[in-house]
Amino acid sequence: MDFINPQNIINSLIYSILGVIVFWVSFIIIDKITPYDLWGEIVEKRNTALAFVVGAMCLGIAIVVAASIH
């Protein structure tokens, strides 16, 4: 019953929140670096190719954040 330890649950929640924050900051930085508005291109102009690239970028950032927290 080691995994039900309240300290482990608190640590998991803290690292999860930290991971989400790092993910969003990374996405905002990449959005600012690109010469156009990523969200506008994907939603308003329905640019499917860019949506795939942004999705792959999000997965890459998520994997890096998860590996660094783990």
N, C-alpha and C. Protein backbone atom coordinates (compact mmCIF):
# COMPACT_ATOMS: atom_id res chain seq x y z
N MET A 1 0.82 -1.19 0.00
CA MET A 1 0.00 0.00 0.00
C MET A 1 0.86 1.25 0.00
N ASP A 2 2.03 1.16 -0.57
CA ASP A 2 2.94 2.30 -0.63
C ASP A 2 2.43 3.40 -1.55
N PHE A 3 1.66 3.04 -2.58
CA PHE A 3 1.23 4.01 -3.57
C PHE A 3 0.07 4.88 -3.07
N ILE A 4 -0.56 4.54 -1.96
CA ILE A 4 -1.66 5.34 -1.42
C ILE A 4 -1.16 6.40 -0.43
N ASN A 5 0.10 6.46 -0.24
CA ASN A 5 0.71 7.45 0.65
C ASN A 5 0.29 8.86 0.21
N PRO A 6 -0.25 9.68 1.12
CA PRO A 6 -0.69 11.04 0.75
C PRO A 6 0.43 11.90 0.16
N GLN A 7 1.64 11.70 0.61
CA GLN A 7 2.77 12.47 0.07
C GLN A 7 2.98 12.15 -1.41
N ASN A 8 2.81 10.89 -1.78
CA ASN A 8 2.95 10.51 -3.20
C ASN A 8 1.85 11.15 -4.05
N ILE A 9 0.65 11.22 -3.53
CA ILE A 9 -0.45 11.84 -4.26
C ILE A 9 -0.21 13.34 -4.43
N ILE A 10 0.23 13.99 -3.38
CA ILE A 10 0.53 15.44 -3.45
C ILE A 10 1.66 15.70 -4.45
N ASN A 11 2.70 14.88 -4.39
CA ASN A 11 3.81 15.04 -5.34
C ASN A 11 3.34 14.86 -6.77
N SER A 12 2.49 13.87 -7.01
CA SER A 12 1.96 13.64 -8.36
C SER A 12 1.16 14.83 -8.85
N LEU A 13 0.33 15.39 -7.98
CA LEU A 13 -0.46 16.56 -8.37
C LEU A 13 0.42 17.76 -8.66
N ILE A 14 1.42 17.99 -7.83
CA ILE A 14 2.33 19.12 -8.05
C ILE A 14 3.07 18.97 -9.37
N TYR A 15 3.61 17.79 -9.64
CA TYR A 15 4.34 17.58 -10.88
C TYR A 15 3.42 17.61 -12.10
N SER A 16 2.20 17.18 -11.95
CA SER A 16 1.25 17.26 -13.06
C SER A 16 0.95 18.71 -13.41
N ILE A 17 0.69 19.51 -12.39
CA ILE A 17 0.41 20.93 -12.62
C ILE A 17 1.64 21.62 -13.20
N LEU A 18 2.81 21.31 -12.67
CA LEU A 18 4.04 21.88 -13.20
C LEU A 18 4.25 21.48 -14.66
N GLY A 19 3.97 20.23 -15.00
CA GLY A 19 4.11 19.77 -16.38
C GLY A 19 3.17 20.49 -17.33
N VAL A 20 1.93 20.72 -16.91
CA VAL A 20 0.97 21.44 -17.74
C VAL A 20 1.42 22.88 -17.95
N ILE A 21 1.92 23.50 -16.89
CA ILE A 21 2.39 24.88 -17.01
C ILE A 21 3.58 24.97 -17.97
N VAL A 22 4.53 24.07 -17.84
CA VAL A 22 5.69 24.06 -18.74
C VAL A 22 5.25 23.81 -20.18
N PHE A 23 4.28 22.92 -20.36
CA PHE A 23 3.76 22.63 -21.70
C PHE A 23 3.14 23.89 -22.32
N TRP A 24 2.29 24.59 -21.58
CA TRP A 24 1.64 25.77 -22.13
C TRP A 24 2.62 26.90 -22.39
N VAL A 25 3.58 27.08 -21.52
CA VAL A 25 4.60 28.12 -21.75
C VAL A 25 5.40 27.79 -23.01
N SER A 26 5.75 26.52 -23.19
CA SER A 26 6.48 26.11 -24.40
C SER A 26 5.64 26.37 -25.65
N PHE A 27 4.35 26.05 -25.59
CA PHE A 27 3.48 26.28 -26.74
C PHE A 27 3.37 27.77 -27.05
N ILE A 28 3.24 28.60 -26.03
CA ILE A 28 3.13 30.05 -26.24
C ILE A 28 4.42 30.60 -26.85
N ILE A 29 5.57 30.11 -26.37
CA ILE A 29 6.85 30.56 -26.93
C ILE A 29 6.96 30.18 -28.40
N ILE A 30 6.59 28.95 -28.73
CA ILE A 30 6.66 28.52 -30.13
C ILE A 30 5.68 29.30 -30.98
N ASP A 31 4.50 29.61 -30.43
CA ASP A 31 3.52 30.40 -31.16
C ASP A 31 4.05 31.80 -31.44
N LYS A 32 4.79 32.38 -30.48
CA LYS A 32 5.36 33.71 -30.67
C LYS A 32 6.53 33.70 -31.66
N ILE A 33 7.26 32.60 -31.73
CA ILE A 33 8.41 32.50 -32.63
C ILE A 33 7.97 32.40 -34.09
N THR A 34 6.88 31.70 -34.34
CA THR A 34 6.42 31.52 -35.71
C THR A 34 5.90 32.84 -36.27
N PRO A 35 6.03 33.05 -37.57
CA PRO A 35 5.65 34.35 -38.15
C PRO A 35 4.14 34.57 -38.28
N TYR A 36 3.32 33.60 -37.96
CA TYR A 36 1.86 33.77 -38.08
C TYR A 36 1.20 33.16 -36.84
N ASP A 37 -0.09 33.44 -36.70
CA ASP A 37 -0.86 32.97 -35.56
C ASP A 37 -1.26 31.52 -35.77
N LEU A 38 -0.69 30.61 -34.98
CA LEU A 38 -0.97 29.18 -35.15
C LEU A 38 -2.45 28.88 -34.94
N TRP A 39 -3.03 29.42 -33.88
CA TRP A 39 -4.42 29.11 -33.56
C TRP A 39 -5.36 29.64 -34.66
N GLY A 40 -5.09 30.83 -35.16
CA GLY A 40 -5.91 31.40 -36.23
C GLY A 40 -5.80 30.60 -37.51
N GLU A 41 -4.61 30.15 -37.83
CA GLU A 41 -4.41 29.34 -39.04
C GLU A 41 -5.17 28.01 -38.94
N ILE A 42 -5.13 27.40 -37.76
CA ILE A 42 -5.76 26.09 -37.60
C ILE A 42 -7.28 26.20 -37.54
N VAL A 43 -7.78 27.14 -36.76
CA VAL A 43 -9.22 27.23 -36.53
C VAL A 43 -9.94 28.00 -37.64
N GLU A 44 -9.44 29.19 -37.96
CA GLU A 44 -10.16 30.03 -38.92
C GLU A 44 -9.92 29.60 -40.37
N LYS A 45 -8.67 29.31 -40.71
CA LYS A 45 -8.35 28.93 -42.09
C LYS A 45 -8.38 27.43 -42.31
N ARG A 46 -8.56 26.66 -41.23
CA ARG A 46 -8.68 25.20 -41.27
C ARG A 46 -7.49 24.55 -41.98
N ASN A 47 -6.30 24.95 -41.59
CA ASN A 47 -5.06 24.44 -42.16
C ASN A 47 -4.73 23.10 -41.51
N THR A 48 -5.09 22.01 -42.19
CA THR A 48 -4.93 20.67 -41.63
C THR A 48 -3.47 20.28 -41.48
N ALA A 49 -2.65 20.63 -42.45
CA ALA A 49 -1.24 20.28 -42.38
C ALA A 49 -0.58 20.93 -41.17
N LEU A 50 -0.90 22.19 -40.93
CA LEU A 50 -0.34 22.87 -39.77
C LEU A 50 -0.87 22.26 -38.48
N ALA A 51 -2.11 21.81 -38.49
CA ALA A 51 -2.67 21.16 -37.30
C ALA A 51 -1.90 19.88 -36.98
N PHE A 52 -1.53 19.12 -37.98
CA PHE A 52 -0.72 17.91 -37.75
C PHE A 52 0.65 18.26 -37.19
N VAL A 53 1.27 19.30 -37.73
CA VAL A 53 2.59 19.72 -37.25
C VAL A 53 2.50 20.19 -35.80
N VAL A 54 1.49 20.98 -35.48
CA VAL A 54 1.33 21.47 -34.10
C VAL A 54 1.01 20.32 -33.17
N GLY A 55 0.22 19.35 -33.62
CA GLY A 55 -0.07 18.17 -32.81
C GLY A 55 1.19 17.37 -32.51
N ALA A 56 2.03 17.19 -33.52
CA ALA A 56 3.29 16.48 -33.31
C ALA A 56 4.20 17.25 -32.37
N MET A 57 4.21 18.58 -32.52
CA MET A 57 5.01 19.41 -31.61
C MET A 57 4.51 19.29 -30.18
N CYS A 58 3.20 19.28 -30.00
CA CYS A 58 2.63 19.13 -28.66
C CYS A 58 2.98 17.79 -28.05
N LEU A 59 2.93 16.73 -28.84
CA LEU A 59 3.33 15.42 -28.33
C LEU A 59 4.80 15.41 -27.95
N GLY A 60 5.64 16.03 -28.76
CA GLY A 60 7.07 16.09 -28.45
C GLY A 60 7.34 16.85 -27.16
N ILE A 61 6.69 17.99 -26.99
CA ILE A 61 6.87 18.75 -25.76
C ILE A 61 6.38 17.95 -24.57
N ALA A 62 5.23 17.29 -24.72
CA ALA A 62 4.67 16.51 -23.62
C ALA A 62 5.58 15.36 -23.23
N ILE A 63 6.20 14.71 -24.19
CA ILE A 63 7.12 13.61 -23.91
C ILE A 63 8.35 14.12 -23.16
N VAL A 64 8.88 15.26 -23.60
CA VAL A 64 10.05 15.83 -22.94
C VAL A 64 9.71 16.23 -21.50
N VAL A 65 8.56 16.88 -21.30
CA VAL A 65 8.15 17.29 -19.96
C VAL A 65 7.93 16.07 -19.08
N ALA A 66 7.26 15.05 -19.60
CA ALA A 66 7.02 13.85 -18.80
C ALA A 66 8.33 13.15 -18.44
N ALA A 67 9.26 13.08 -19.38
CA ALA A 67 10.53 12.41 -19.09
C ALA A 67 11.35 13.21 -18.08
N SER A 68 11.27 14.53 -18.16
CA SER A 68 12.06 15.33 -17.21
C SER A 68 11.46 15.28 -15.80
N ILE A 69 10.15 15.15 -15.70
CA ILE A 69 9.51 15.06 -14.39
C ILE A 69 9.67 13.67 -13.80
N HIS A 70 9.64 12.68 -14.65
CA HIS A 70 9.72 11.30 -14.17
C HIS A 70 11.11 11.06 -13.62
